[in-house]
Amino acid sequence: MPAGVVDPVPGNNTAIDTDTLTPQAELAVSKTDGQDEAIPGTATTYTITVSNAGPSDAPAAQVLDTLPASLSDATWSCVAAGGATCTASGRNYSA
């Protein structure tokens, strides 16, 4: 208020605005081995890339890549970036 002006009803000097937020995430997943063909019995490396173009975060998003039963020995590693988290590595072995 300008100097010298008195507000006769100071109790009404507040306002409330309630907005419902609708988070929106633009998730994308790609998977590639970078090859046109694979040779049985040789190692193959797949790269899975997950991204979020936003504008909102997606804190509960999960990626699940189930290994085929025909794989007898698989190891994996994960590198997280941009606030993502993952278990760093693991192994799936079946005889």
Protein backbone atom coordinates (compact mmCIF):
# COMPACT_ATOMS: atom_id res chain seq x y z
CA MET A 1 0.00 0.00 0.00
CA PRO A 2 1.11 3.53 -0.58
CA ALA A 3 2.39 5.45 2.42
CA GLY A 4 -0.40 6.99 4.48
CA VAL A 5 -3.14 4.60 3.26
CA VAL A 6 -4.80 2.40 5.87
CA ASP A 7 -6.58 -0.84 5.01
CA PRO A 8 -9.86 -0.83 6.96
CA VAL A 9 -10.30 -4.65 6.65
CA PRO A 10 -6.85 -6.31 6.85
CA GLY A 11 -8.42 -9.76 7.47
CA ASN A 12 -9.40 -10.14 3.83
CA ASN A 13 -5.89 -9.72 2.42
CA THR A 14 -5.38 -13.38 1.46
CA ALA A 15 -6.31 -15.52 -1.51
CA ILE A 16 -6.24 -19.26 -2.21
CA ASP A 17 -5.91 -20.83 -5.64
CA THR A 18 -6.04 -24.62 -5.77
CA ASP A 19 -4.96 -26.29 -9.01
CA THR A 20 -5.03 -29.98 -9.81
CA LEU A 21 -1.71 -30.99 -11.32
CA THR A 22 -1.70 -33.53 -14.12
CA PRO A 23 1.84 -34.83 -14.55
CA GLN A 24 2.75 -35.81 -18.10
CA ALA A 25 5.73 -37.94 -19.05
CA GLU A 26 6.83 -38.95 -22.53
CA LEU A 27 8.62 -42.26 -21.96
CA ALA A 28 10.44 -44.16 -24.69
CA VAL A 29 12.29 -47.50 -24.62
CA SER A 30 14.56 -48.91 -27.31
CA LYS A 31 16.55 -52.15 -27.39
CA THR A 32 19.23 -53.12 -29.87
CA ASP A 33 22.18 -55.44 -30.24
CA GLY A 34 23.60 -53.39 -33.10
CA GLN A 35 23.78 -56.47 -35.33
CA ASP A 36 21.77 -57.85 -38.24
CA GLU A 37 22.34 -61.46 -37.21
CA ALA A 38 23.66 -63.46 -34.26
CA ILE A 39 25.62 -66.68 -34.17
CA PRO A 40 24.39 -69.30 -31.68
CA GLY A 41 26.88 -69.91 -28.87
CA THR A 42 28.52 -66.49 -29.13
CA ALA A 43 28.02 -63.55 -26.81
CA THR A 44 25.58 -60.82 -27.77
CA THR A 45 25.32 -57.46 -26.05
CA TYR A 46 22.01 -55.63 -25.99
CA THR A 47 21.63 -51.99 -25.11
CA ILE A 48 18.31 -50.85 -23.66
CA THR A 49 17.84 -47.09 -23.59
CA VAL A 50 15.03 -45.51 -21.62
CA SER A 51 14.26 -41.82 -21.87
CA ASN A 52 11.68 -39.33 -20.66
CA ALA A 53 11.07 -36.22 -22.76
CA GLY A 54 8.88 -34.91 -19.92
CA PRO A 55 7.86 -32.41 -19.04
CA SER A 56 7.18 -34.27 -15.76
CA ASP A 57 9.33 -36.79 -13.93
CA ALA A 58 8.17 -40.41 -13.91
CA PRO A 59 9.37 -41.64 -10.50
CA ALA A 60 7.38 -44.89 -10.49
CA ALA A 61 8.25 -45.95 -14.05
CA GLN A 62 9.91 -49.36 -14.34
CA VAL A 63 11.52 -51.28 -17.16
CA LEU A 64 11.33 -55.07 -17.19
CA ASP A 65 13.19 -57.09 -19.81
CA THR A 66 12.52 -60.79 -19.34
CA LEU A 67 15.25 -63.07 -20.63
CA PRO A 68 14.15 -65.97 -22.85
CA ALA A 69 14.38 -69.42 -21.26
CA SER A 70 16.80 -70.43 -24.03
CA LEU A 71 19.53 -68.20 -22.59
CA SER A 72 21.73 -70.35 -20.40
CA ASP A 73 24.06 -67.73 -18.97
CA ALA A 74 23.36 -64.02 -18.98
CA THR A 75 24.96 -61.13 -17.17
CA TRP A 76 23.78 -57.55 -17.20
CA SER A 77 24.81 -54.13 -16.06
CA CYS A 78 22.99 -50.83 -15.77
CA VAL A 79 24.20 -47.26 -15.97
CA ALA A 80 21.65 -44.70 -14.75
CA ALA A 81 21.67 -41.04 -15.69
CA GLY A 82 19.49 -37.98 -15.28
CA GLY A 83 18.11 -38.89 -11.87
CA ALA A 84 17.27 -42.52 -12.76
CA THR A 85 18.31 -45.41 -10.53
CA CYS A 86 18.94 -49.09 -11.17
CA THR A 87 20.62 -52.13 -9.74
CA ALA A 88 24.14 -51.94 -11.12
CA SER A 89 24.61 -55.54 -12.30
CA GLY A 90 23.43 -59.11 -12.05
CA ARG A 91 23.57 -62.61 -13.45
CA ASN A 92 20.95 -65.07 -14.63
CA TYR A 93 22.22 -68.62 -14.95
CA SER A 94 20.21 -71.69 -15.71
CA ALA A 95 21.57 -75.13 -16.51
